[in-house]
Protein backbone atom coordinates (compact mmCIF):
# COMPACT_ATOMS: atom_id res chain seq x y z
CA UNK A 1 0.01 0.01 0.04
CA UNK A 2 1.44 3.33 -0.95
CA UNK A 3 1.80 6.34 1.48
CA UNK A 4 -0.64 8.46 -0.62
CA UNK A 5 -3.21 5.70 -0.89
CA UNK A 6 -3.05 5.12 2.79
CA UNK A 7 -3.74 8.76 3.47
CA UNK A 8 -6.67 8.76 1.09
CA UNK A 9 -8.11 5.77 2.76
CA UNK A 10 -7.85 7.35 6.13
CA UNK A 11 -9.76 10.45 4.85
CA UNK A 12 -12.43 8.27 3.37
CA UNK A 13 -12.62 6.25 6.53
CA UNK A 14 -13.13 9.24 8.66
CA UNK A 15 -15.76 10.73 6.36
CA UNK A 16 -17.36 7.30 6.44
CA UNK A 17 -17.47 7.17 10.20
CA UNK A 18 -19.97 10.05 10.20
CA UNK A 19 -22.39 7.88 8.35
CA UNK A 20 -22.06 4.61 10.36
CA UNK A 21 -25.40 3.25 11.58
CA UNK A 22 -25.66 1.29 14.73
CA UNK A 23 -27.90 -1.81 14.71
CA UNK A 24 -29.80 -3.22 17.58
CA UNK A 25 -26.79 -5.46 18.31
CA UNK A 26 -24.44 -2.54 18.25
CA UNK A 27 -22.57 -3.66 15.29
CA UNK A 28 -21.78 -1.07 12.56
CA UNK A 29 -22.27 -1.38 8.83
CA UNK A 30 -18.94 -1.63 6.92
CA UNK A 31 -17.67 1.51 5.52
CA UNK A 32 -17.88 1.90 1.77
CA UNK A 33 -14.86 1.23 -0.43
CA UNK A 34 -12.62 4.10 -1.44
CA UNK A 35 -12.71 4.98 -5.20
CA UNK A 36 -9.16 3.50 -5.79
CA UNK A 37 -10.36 0.14 -4.47
CA UNK A 38 -13.82 0.36 -6.12
CA UNK A 39 -13.00 1.35 -9.62
CA UNK A 40 -10.66 -1.65 -10.59
CA UNK A 41 -13.45 -4.02 -9.46
CA UNK A 42 -15.67 -2.37 -11.91
CA UNK A 43 -13.25 -2.40 -14.94
CA UNK A 44 -13.90 -5.89 -16.12
CA UNK A 45 -12.04 -7.97 -18.70
CA UNK A 46 -15.08 -8.98 -20.56
CA UNK A 47 -16.03 -5.34 -21.28
CA UNK A 48 -12.55 -4.57 -22.51
CA UNK A 49 -12.72 -7.76 -24.78
CA UNK A 50 -15.85 -6.37 -26.27
CA UNK A 51 -14.04 -3.17 -27.17
CA UNK A 52 -11.15 -5.09 -28.75
CA UNK A 53 -13.54 -7.18 -30.82
CA UNK A 54 -15.20 -3.96 -31.97
CA UNK A 55 -11.85 -2.66 -33.02
CA UNK A 56 -10.95 -5.82 -34.86
CA UNK A 57 -14.17 -5.76 -36.85
CA UNK A 58 -13.63 -1.97 -37.71
CA UNK A 59 -10.19 -2.93 -39.07
CA UNK A 60 -11.62 -5.86 -41.01
CA UNK A 61 -14.21 -3.59 -42.51
CA UNK A 62 -11.59 -0.83 -43.49
CA UNK A 63 -8.68 -2.39 -45.35
CA UNK A 64 -7.34 -4.28 -42.41
CA UNK A 65 -6.13 -1.28 -40.29
CA UNK A 66 -7.11 1.62 -38.26
CA UNK A 67 -4.34 4.02 -39.15
CA UNK A 68 -4.76 7.88 -38.59
CA UNK A 69 -6.43 9.60 -41.49
CA UNK A 70 -8.37 6.49 -42.56
CA UNK A 71 -11.92 5.52 -42.18
CA UNK A 72 -10.78 2.80 -39.77
CA UNK A 73 -9.58 5.38 -37.40
CA UNK A 74 -12.44 7.64 -37.62
CA UNK A 75 -14.92 4.74 -36.98
CA UNK A 76 -12.78 3.74 -34.00
CA UNK A 77 -12.65 7.33 -32.67
CA UNK A 78 -16.45 7.53 -32.99
CA UNK A 79 -16.89 4.25 -31.12
CA UNK A 80 -15.08 5.94 -28.30
CA UNK A 81 -16.72 9.36 -28.41
CA UNK A 82 -20.31 8.08 -28.60
CA UNK A 83 -19.89 5.82 -25.49
CA UNK A 84 -18.08 8.55 -23.46
CA UNK A 85 -20.81 11.06 -24.32
CA UNK A 86 -23.47 8.67 -23.11
CA UNK A 87 -21.60 8.47 -19.86
CA UNK A 88 -21.84 12.02 -19.29
CA UNK A 89 -18.40 13.40 -20.28
CA UNK A 90 -17.53 16.61 -21.89
CA UNK A 91 -16.27 15.62 -25.40
CA UNK A 92 -13.79 17.41 -27.55
CA UNK A 93 -12.74 16.27 -31.09
CA UNK A 94 -9.54 18.13 -31.76
CA UNK A 95 -8.71 18.11 -35.41
CA UNK A 96 -5.13 18.60 -36.76
CA UNK A 97 -3.15 18.08 -40.13
CA UNK A 98 -0.40 15.54 -40.55
CA UNK A 99 1.52 13.78 -43.28
CA UNK A 100 -0.02 10.32 -43.90
CA UNK A 101 2.47 7.67 -45.09
CA UNK A 102 1.66 4.12 -46.49
CA UNK A 103 4.19 1.43 -47.57
CA UNK A 104 4.28 0.80 -51.33
CA UNK A 105 7.49 -1.31 -51.61
CA UNK A 106 10.05 -2.77 -49.25
CA UNK A 107 12.58 -4.91 -50.94
CA UNK A 108 16.34 -5.54 -50.32
CA UNK A 109 18.30 -8.21 -52.60
CA UNK A 110 21.75 -9.21 -51.59
CA UNK A 111 23.63 -11.86 -53.80
CA UNK A 112 20.18 -12.78 -55.35
CA UNK A 113 18.66 -13.46 -51.86
CA UNK A 114 15.99 -11.32 -50.30
CA UNK A 115 16.66 -9.67 -46.86
CA UNK A 116 13.75 -8.29 -44.84
CA UNK A 117 13.78 -4.48 -44.73
CA UNK A 118 11.39 -1.92 -43.26
CA UNK A 119 11.06 1.55 -44.75
CA UNK A 120 11.59 4.22 -42.28
CA UNK A 121 8.55 6.57 -41.74
CA UNK A 122 8.98 9.59 -44.02
CA UNK A 123 11.86 8.10 -45.93
CA UNK A 124 12.51 9.49 -49.40
CA UNK A 125 11.51 7.13 -52.21
CA UNK A 126 13.72 5.13 -54.53
CA UNK A 127 12.46 4.92 -58.24
CA UNK A 128 10.03 2.08 -58.93
CA UNK A 129 11.87 -0.99 -59.30
CA UNK A 130 14.61 0.30 -56.85
CA UNK A 131 18.30 1.15 -57.21
CA UNK A 132 21.27 -1.11 -57.58
CA UNK A 133 24.64 0.20 -55.99
CA UNK A 134 27.61 -0.98 -53.98
CA UNK A 135 26.91 -1.43 -50.23
CA UNK A 136 29.37 0.38 -47.98
CA UNK A 137 29.50 -1.14 -44.55
CA UNK A 138 30.59 1.50 -41.86
CA UNK A 139 32.77 0.38 -39.00
CA UNK A 140 30.72 1.15 -35.84
CA UNK A 141 32.27 3.23 -33.06
CA UNK A 142 30.79 5.00 -30.11
CA UNK A 143 28.75 7.25 -32.30
CA UNK A 144 28.24 5.14 -35.50
CA UNK A 145 27.38 7.19 -38.59
CA UNK A 146 26.32 10.24 -36.68
CA UNK A 147 28.85 12.48 -38.60
CA UNK A 148 29.67 12.70 -42.33
CA UNK A 149 33.23 11.87 -41.47
CA UNK A 150 32.26 8.48 -40.30
CA UNK A 151 31.46 7.37 -43.88
CA UNK A 152 34.53 8.48 -45.75
CA UNK A 153 33.57 8.76 -49.56
CA UNK A 154 30.53 6.79 -50.06
CA UNK A 155 29.37 8.67 -53.38
CA UNK A 156 26.52 6.82 -55.09
CA UNK A 157 26.74 3.85 -52.51
CA UNK A 158 24.24 2.45 -50.06
CA UNK A 159 25.48 3.06 -46.69
CA UNK A 160 25.06 0.36 -44.01
CA UNK A 161 25.36 1.78 -40.40
CA UNK A 162 24.59 0.50 -37.10
CA UNK A 163 21.71 2.05 -34.79
CA UNK A 164 22.81 3.93 -31.75
CA UNK A 165 24.03 7.40 -30.24
CA UNK A 166 22.01 9.66 -32.61
CA UNK A 167 18.65 9.68 -34.44
CA UNK A 168 17.86 7.82 -37.62
CA UNK A 169 17.36 11.18 -39.27
CA UNK A 170 20.78 12.32 -38.24
CA UNK A 171 22.40 9.16 -39.62
CA UNK A 172 20.81 9.38 -43.02
CA UNK A 173 21.52 13.15 -43.26
CA UNK A 174 25.26 12.41 -42.56
CA UNK A 175 25.29 9.61 -45.01
CA UNK A 176 23.87 11.91 -47.65
CA UNK A 177 26.50 14.52 -46.85
CA UNK A 178 29.10 11.94 -47.48
CA UNK A 179 27.59 11.27 -50.85
CA UNK A 180 25.40 8.09 -50.16
CA UNK A 181 22.47 7.31 -52.40
CA UNK A 182 20.60 5.48 -49.67
CA UNK A 183 21.02 4.21 -46.08
CA UNK A 184 20.23 0.98 -44.24
CA UNK A 185 20.42 1.04 -40.53
CA UNK A 186 20.73 -2.13 -38.66
CA UNK A 187 19.65 -2.87 -35.06
CA UNK A 188 22.11 -2.93 -32.32
CA UNK A 189 20.39 -5.59 -30.54
CA UNK A 190 18.37 -8.76 -31.62
CA UNK A 191 15.16 -8.10 -33.62
CA UNK A 192 13.91 -6.06 -36.42
CA UNK A 193 14.02 -2.41 -36.63
CA UNK A 194 10.97 -0.20 -37.16
CA UNK A 195 11.87 3.46 -37.31
CA UNK A 196 10.81 7.03 -38.26
CA UNK A 197 12.84 9.97 -39.47
CA UNK A 198 10.48 12.06 -37.32
CA UNK A 199 8.92 14.15 -40.16
CA UNK A 200 9.02 14.57 -43.94
CA UNK A 201 11.31 17.54 -43.79
CA UNK A 202 14.07 15.57 -42.14
CA UNK A 203 14.29 13.05 -44.88
CA UNK A 204 17.17 13.32 -47.39
CA UNK A 205 17.73 9.89 -48.83
CA UNK A 206 15.91 6.51 -49.10
CA UNK A 207 16.42 4.96 -45.65
CA UNK A 208 15.38 1.47 -44.26
CA UNK A 209 15.95 -0.68 -41.21
CA UNK A 210 17.13 -4.34 -40.82
CA UNK A 211 17.61 -6.67 -38.00
CA UNK A 212 20.96 -7.22 -36.26
CA UNK A 213 20.96 -10.83 -37.45
CA UNK A 214 20.49 -9.89 -41.25
CA UNK A 215 23.30 -7.12 -41.04
CA UNK A 216 25.99 -9.73 -41.34
CA UNK A 217 24.89 -10.67 -44.75
CA UNK A 218 25.25 -7.10 -45.77
CA UNK A 219 28.59 -6.74 -43.99
CA UNK A 220 29.91 -9.71 -45.71
CA UNK A 221 28.85 -8.17 -49.07
CA UNK A 222 30.68 -4.87 -48.44
CA UNK A 223 31.62 -3.36 -51.77
CA UNK A 224 29.24 -5.54 -53.77
CA UNK A 225 26.22 -4.46 -55.61
CA UNK A 226 22.85 -4.84 -53.75
CA UNK A 227 19.37 -3.77 -54.86
CA UNK A 228 17.01 -1.63 -52.60
CA UNK A 229 13.55 -0.48 -53.25
CA UNK A 230 11.84 1.68 -50.69
CA UNK A 231 8.67 3.58 -51.53
CA UNK A 232 5.91 5.10 -49.53
CA UNK A 233 2.58 7.06 -50.38
CA UNK A 234 2.97 10.44 -48.68
CA UNK A 235 0.07 12.90 -48.51
CA UNK A 236 -1.23 15.61 -46.27
CA UNK A 237 -4.42 14.43 -44.38
CA UNK A 238 -6.38 15.57 -41.26
CA UNK A 239 -7.42 13.41 -38.29
CA UNK A 240 -8.43 14.08 -34.71
CA UNK A 241 -7.88 13.36 -30.96
CA UNK A 242 -10.77 12.43 -28.82
CA UNK A 243 -10.66 14.05 -25.40
CA UNK A 244 -13.13 13.44 -22.67
CA UNK A 245 -13.21 15.31 -19.41
CA UNK A 246 -15.38 14.82 -16.15
CA UNK A 247 -17.72 17.53 -15.18
CA UNK A 248 -16.61 17.31 -11.56
CA UNK A 249 -13.41 18.06 -9.85
CA UNK A 250 -11.19 21.12 -9.71
CA UNK A 251 -10.00 22.47 -13.17
CA UNK A 252 -6.65 23.80 -12.21
CA UNK A 253 -5.26 20.50 -11.10
CA UNK A 254 -6.29 18.08 -13.82
CA UNK A 255 -5.31 14.40 -13.78
CA UNK A 256 -4.78 13.48 -17.53
CA UNK A 257 -4.63 9.91 -18.86
CA UNK A 258 -4.09 8.94 -22.50
CA UNK A 259 -3.53 6.19 -24.98
CA UNK A 260 -3.07 6.25 -28.84
CA UNK A 261 -6.00 4.93 -30.61
CA UNK A 262 -4.43 4.81 -34.03
CA UNK A 263 -2.48 1.84 -35.45
CA UNK A 264 -0.04 1.31 -38.36
CA UNK A 265 -1.34 0.59 -41.80
CA UNK A 266 0.17 -2.90 -41.56
CA UNK A 267 -2.28 -4.44 -39.38
CA UNK A 268 -5.47 -3.98 -37.01
CA UNK A 269 -3.37 -2.82 -34.14
CA UNK A 270 -5.15 -4.76 -31.40
CA UNK A 271 -2.23 -4.88 -28.82
CA UNK A 272 -0.77 -1.67 -30.42
CA UNK A 273 -2.72 0.05 -29.11
CA UNK A 274 -6.23 -1.41 -28.91
CA UNK A 275 -5.34 -2.74 -25.40
CA UNK A 276 -4.48 0.69 -23.94
CA UNK A 277 -7.39 2.36 -25.67
CA UNK A 278 -9.83 -0.31 -24.53
CA UNK A 279 -8.77 -0.32 -20.87
CA UNK A 280 -8.78 3.61 -20.91
CA UNK A 281 -12.36 3.60 -22.29
CA UNK A 282 -13.65 1.10 -19.79
CA UNK A 283 -11.93 3.00 -16.87
CA UNK A 284 -13.56 6.21 -17.98
CA UNK A 285 -16.91 4.56 -18.45
CA UNK A 286 -16.91 3.00 -15.07
CA UNK A 287 -15.57 6.25 -13.46
CA UNK A 288 -18.48 8.21 -15.17
CA UNK A 289 -18.65 11.75 -16.32
CA UNK A 290 -19.48 13.21 -12.89
CA UNK A 291 -17.71 11.20 -10.14
CA UNK A 292 -17.20 12.36 -6.63
CA UNK A 293 -13.53 13.40 -7.11
CA UNK A 294 -11.41 16.38 -6.02
CA UNK A 295 -9.50 16.75 -9.37
CA UNK A 296 -10.93 16.76 -12.86
CA UNK A 297 -9.92 13.60 -14.87
CA UNK A 298 -9.21 14.07 -18.58
CA UNK A 299 -8.99 11.14 -20.91
CA UNK A 300 -7.45 11.37 -24.37
CA UNK A 301 -7.36 8.90 -27.33
CA UNK A 302 -4.54 10.24 -29.40
CA UNK A 303 -4.28 9.99 -33.18
CA UNK A 304 -1.21 9.92 -35.46
CA UNK A 305 1.01 8.47 -32.82
CA UNK A 306 2.33 6.13 -35.22
CA UNK A 307 3.34 9.13 -37.65
CA UNK A 308 5.59 10.59 -35.01
CA UNK A 309 3.48 11.42 -31.78
CA UNK A 310 1.59 14.04 -33.88
CA UNK A 311 -1.63 14.16 -32.06
CA UNK A 312 -0.32 14.28 -28.43
CA UNK A 313 2.38 16.81 -29.60
CA UNK A 314 -0.27 18.99 -31.22
CA UNK A 315 -2.37 18.92 -28.09
CA UNK A 316 0.25 20.03 -25.67
CA UNK A 317 1.46 22.79 -28.01
CA UNK A 318 -2.13 23.95 -28.46
CA UNK A 319 -2.38 24.72 -24.68
CA UNK A 320 -1.44 28.19 -23.26
CA UNK A 321 1.10 28.16 -20.33
CA UNK A 322 -1.76 28.55 -18.02
CA UNK A 323 -3.58 25.65 -19.39
CA UNK A 324 -0.44 23.48 -19.28
CA UNK A 325 0.06 24.60 -15.58
CA UNK A 326 -3.49 23.18 -14.97
CA UNK A 327 -2.37 19.74 -15.77
CA UNK A 328 -1.03 17.99 -12.71
CA UNK A 329 0.33 14.91 -14.47
CA UNK A 330 0.04 12.78 -17.50
CA UNK A 331 -0.55 8.89 -17.39
CA UNK A 332 0.32 6.98 -20.55
CA UNK A 333 -0.84 3.46 -21.51
CA UNK A 334 0.66 1.97 -24.74
CA UNK A 335 0.56 -1.69 -25.43
CA UNK A 336 -0.57 -3.22 -22.10
CA UNK A 337 -1.43 -6.81 -23.31
CA UNK A 338 1.64 -7.93 -25.19
CA UNK A 339 1.37 -11.70 -25.88
CA UNK A 340 4.86 -12.42 -24.26
CA UNK A 341 4.05 -9.74 -21.69
CA UNK A 342 6.51 -7.84 -19.66
CA UNK A 343 5.20 -5.61 -16.73
CA UNK A 344 6.92 -2.23 -17.18
CA UNK A 345 6.27 1.04 -15.46
CA UNK A 346 7.87 4.24 -16.99
CA UNK A 347 10.94 4.80 -15.04
CA UNK A 348 10.24 8.13 -13.43
CA UNK A 349 13.29 8.09 -11.16
CA UNK A 350 15.79 6.53 -13.60
CA UNK A 351 16.50 3.74 -11.04
CA UNK A 352 17.16 1.38 -13.89
CA UNK A 353 20.29 3.28 -14.78
CA UNK A 354 19.95 2.99 -18.53
CA UNK A 355 20.91 6.56 -19.00
CA UNK A 356 17.70 8.01 -20.32
CA UNK A 357 17.35 10.22 -17.32
CA UNK A 358 14.53 10.71 -14.76
CA UNK A 359 11.29 12.33 -15.54
CA UNK A 360 10.15 15.70 -14.33
CA UNK A 361 9.62 16.13 -10.67
CA UNK A 362 6.60 13.99 -9.59
CA UNK A 363 7.33 11.15 -12.03
CA UNK A 364 9.11 9.04 -9.56
CA UNK A 365 5.99 9.11 -7.26
CA UNK A 366 3.83 8.14 -10.17
CA UNK A 367 6.11 5.22 -10.88
CA UNK A 368 5.91 4.06 -7.30
CA UNK A 369 2.09 4.29 -7.38
CA UNK A 370 2.12 1.91 -10.32
CA UNK A 371 4.67 -0.40 -8.92
CA UNK A 372 2.60 -0.73 -5.65
CA UNK A 373 -0.60 -1.15 -7.45
CA UNK A 374 0.98 -4.09 -9.52
CA UNK A 375 2.64 -5.52 -6.33
CA UNK A 376 -0.87 -5.78 -4.73
CA UNK A 377 -1.66 -8.02 -7.75
CA UNK A 378 1.46 -10.15 -7.15
CA UNK A 379 3.53 -8.58 -9.97
CA UNK A 380 7.08 -7.30 -9.56
CA UNK A 381 7.56 -4.47 -12.16
CA UNK A 382 10.57 -3.17 -13.88
CA UNK A 383 11.23 0.27 -14.95
CA UNK A 384 11.12 1.25 -18.75
CA UNK A 385 13.02 4.32 -19.92
CA UNK A 386 11.49 7.60 -21.21
CA UNK A 387 12.70 6.89 -24.70
CA UNK A 388 10.55 9.33 -26.57
CA UNK A 389 8.71 6.47 -28.24
CA UNK A 390 5.12 7.22 -26.93
CA UNK A 391 2.77 10.14 -26.08
CA UNK A 392 4.35 11.15 -22.87
CA UNK A 393 7.17 12.75 -24.86
CA UNK A 394 5.75 16.31 -25.25
CA UNK A 395 4.32 16.44 -21.86
CA UNK A 396 7.78 15.80 -20.05
CA UNK A 397 9.32 18.25 -22.55
CA UNK A 398 7.05 20.98 -20.90
CA UNK A 399 8.09 19.67 -17.41
CA UNK A 400 4.77 17.85 -16.70
CA UNK A 401 5.24 14.78 -14.53
CA UNK A 402 4.37 11.51 -16.21
CA UNK A 403 4.30 7.86 -15.79
CA UNK A 404 2.54 4.80 -17.21
CA UNK A 405 2.37 1.09 -18.00
CA UNK A 406 3.86 -0.95 -20.93
CA UNK A 407 4.13 -4.59 -21.57
CA UNK A 408 6.95 -4.58 -24.33
CA UNK A 409 7.15 -4.39 -28.08
CA UNK A 410 9.84 -5.73 -30.44
CA UNK A 411 12.52 -6.20 -27.76
CA UNK A 412 13.31 -9.65 -26.50
CA UNK A 413 12.46 -11.07 -23.10
CA UNK A 414 15.36 -12.20 -21.12
CA UNK A 415 15.72 -15.48 -19.06
CA UNK A 416 15.30 -13.53 -15.83
CA UNK A 417 12.14 -11.86 -17.13
CA UNK A 418 10.59 -15.11 -18.16
CA UNK A 419 11.47 -16.67 -14.72
CA UNK A 420 9.78 -13.77 -13.02
CA UNK A 421 6.75 -13.08 -15.23
CA UNK A 422 6.38 -16.28 -17.35
CA UNK A 423 6.36 -16.36 -21.06
CA UNK A 424 9.11 -17.33 -23.45
CA UNK A 425 12.74 -16.12 -23.16
CA UNK A 426 14.52 -15.17 -26.23
CA UNK A 427 11.42 -14.07 -27.99
CA UNK A 428 9.94 -10.65 -28.56
CA UNK A 429 7.41 -9.23 -26.16
CA UNK A 430 5.15 -8.73 -29.07
CA UNK A 431 6.19 -10.94 -32.06
CA UNK A 432 3.43 -9.36 -34.19
CA UNK A 433 4.54 -5.69 -33.48
CA UNK A 434 3.45 -3.52 -36.45
CA UNK A 435 2.40 -6.57 -38.52
CA UNK A 436 -0.85 -8.13 -39.75
CA UNK A 437 -0.93 -10.67 -37.00
CA UNK A 438 -1.48 -7.92 -34.39
CA UNK A 439 -5.06 -9.10 -33.96
CA UNK A 440 -7.25 -10.56 -31.34
CA UNK A 441 -5.00 -13.52 -31.00
CA UNK A 442 -2.13 -11.21 -30.22
CA UNK A 443 -3.16 -10.32 -26.64
CA UNK A 444 -2.21 -11.70 -23.16
CA UNK A 445 -5.64 -11.14 -21.58
CA UNK A 446 -4.27 -11.77 -18.07
CA UNK A 447 -1.68 -9.11 -18.48
CA UNK A 448 -4.39 -6.72 -19.90
CA UNK A 449 -6.75 -7.43 -16.87
CA UNK A 450 -3.84 -6.83 -14.38
CA UNK A 451 -2.65 -3.59 -16.06
CA UNK A 452 -6.23 -2.26 -16.37
CA UNK A 453 -6.80 -2.72 -12.65
CA UNK A 454 -3.55 -0.69 -12.06
CA UNK A 455 -4.58 1.94 -14.45
CA UNK A 456 -7.99 2.36 -12.68
CA UNK A 457 -6.51 2.30 -9.26
CA UNK A 458 -3.84 4.95 -9.80
CA UNK A 459 -6.08 7.12 -11.90
CA UNK A 460 -8.81 6.98 -8.99
CA UNK A 461 -5.97 7.63 -6.40
CA UNK A 462 -4.91 10.84 -8.19
CA UNK A 463 -8.39 11.88 -9.00
CA UNK A 464 -8.68 12.22 -5.16
CA UNK A 465 -5.33 13.70 -4.33
CA UNK A 466 -2.11 14.64 -6.12
CA UNK A 467 -0.45 15.72 -2.90
CA UNK A 468 2.47 13.19 -3.34
CA UNK A 469 3.16 14.39 -6.91
CA UNK A 470 2.93 18.15 -6.56
CA UNK A 471 2.26 18.78 -2.86
CA UNK A 472 -1.24 20.26 -3.56
CA UNK A 473 -3.72 18.98 -1.04
CA UNK A 474 -7.35 18.51 -2.17
CA UNK A 475 -8.69 21.62 -0.49
CA UNK A 476 -5.62 23.71 -1.04
CA UNK A 477 -5.50 26.68 -3.47
CA UNK A 478 -3.01 26.03 -6.20
CA UNK A 479 -0.14 28.42 -6.27
CA UNK A 480 0.56 28.73 -10.06
CA UNK A 481 3.74 30.78 -9.67
CA UNK A 482 5.35 28.01 -7.61
CA UNK A 483 4.03 25.36 -10.10
CA UNK A 484 5.54 27.40 -13.09
CA UNK A 485 8.98 27.62 -11.38
CA UNK A 486 8.92 23.86 -10.72
CA UNK A 487 7.94 23.20 -14.32
CA UNK A 488 10.72 25.51 -15.57
CA UNK A 489 13.21 23.35 -13.55
CA UNK A 490 11.49 20.15 -14.93
CA UNK A 491 11.95 21.28 -18.46
CA UNK A 492 15.74 21.43 -17.88
CA UNK A 493 15.64 17.83 -16.60
CA UNK A 494 13.47 16.79 -19.60
CA UNK A 495 16.00 18.39 -22.05
CA UNK A 496 18.87 16.33 -20.55
CA UNK A 497 16.75 13.17 -20.72
CA UNK A 498 15.90 13.93 -24.48
CA UNK A 499 19.60 14.43 -25.20
CA UNK A 500 20.20 11.02 -23.77
CA UNK A 501 17.19 9.38 -25.40
CA UNK A 502 17.61 10.94 -28.67
CA UNK A 503 16.88 7.95 -30.91
CA UNK A 504 13.38 8.42 -32.64
CA UNK A 505 11.55 5.24 -33.26
CA UNK A 506 7.94 4.25 -33.50
């Protein structure tokens, strides 16, 4: 039991004492459960499964996906919005433009053999049919391919460079400066590499990603001709976030919780991120639009996350400084039912020591709340770095404390993790990440159930009091000048974290 939850229960218990009724045998009725205990019991797996079935059917009816800017996403968004409106929430549909991309061709041929390759989001296109040129394998160092000098003269060649130390956009730009006609970036750990260049303006040359395992084939072919075809459809489209807010609670200390609703064009996106979206929807519906809370709760279903966190970034930047100060925290839920599940909490205090840096002040306390909620359910969680790969990114950039849950994507489960959580060591947490098999069969429903309970409990806890995060007691007036000062310091911390976690992937 966390310190803050203990305080909340004490307050609830004292209030309940006033309403105790003595029976003829001098026995009292049991005090009602507090909201953090009650809400998880109401968020039932069967209801979440129903939402996931709906998203699967929506994808099936709309070209197999629910990507932003598509009919599949719009139908998914209206599924959410209509149910939230029926539960009494104030609903906003926030529209914004973005660059839609869809893969047209991904092919890499080395010595007559095909090697799997994934086109980077916003990559420049090769000509139809591809290009044939010598591959130039760049010897990795501490900052592989981050500067043009790393490549030597690679004029009209296809540069092969290892992931790490700088963004994919920086690598392909440096390769282009050294004369490369295209770039292939290989993973620095087992597994495939799905990446983004961040935005269309950053793209200079055709760029793709391959696995660490397949890289050796290209390294062995150094200097030999290979054929590479990478093409995407790119066009300007509009999409929208769905935002639902309670009508009760103070509006200058808002608890915000979000999940991206859009998926990739390559599949129905049921784990990524139907799981987070479904659990967030059911948590909101069971909380209701006018709960007895001290702080407003604002739920968000982001769009265009898969195109570079566009929806959440647009939202945060659309707020005035005063409106940003009104947000006490942001809770993020992205992929919470991976089939070979991990149990990660966002590493607010940087206790994992992976170098990405701690989150803004208050993030460590949020992490602890999630850890303790999972521990109540028999789960020992691990921290997951703020890598910038999900929608918390722009919130922490503005000094807003953040936390959340995650069950893993393309990374591989270790022997130690399998011993602790079950599942299969040596396999990805989600073998169907960003592929057509991310369907209803690609979910660990036990993990979804546990994480949804933790989501509901921690959200309810902070709806009652954020005192452990920002020292604001439920009945206390908010000192915005002090909060602004703290946020300014938080932004410096976030900037350091961003410098350490500067790889941009999706």
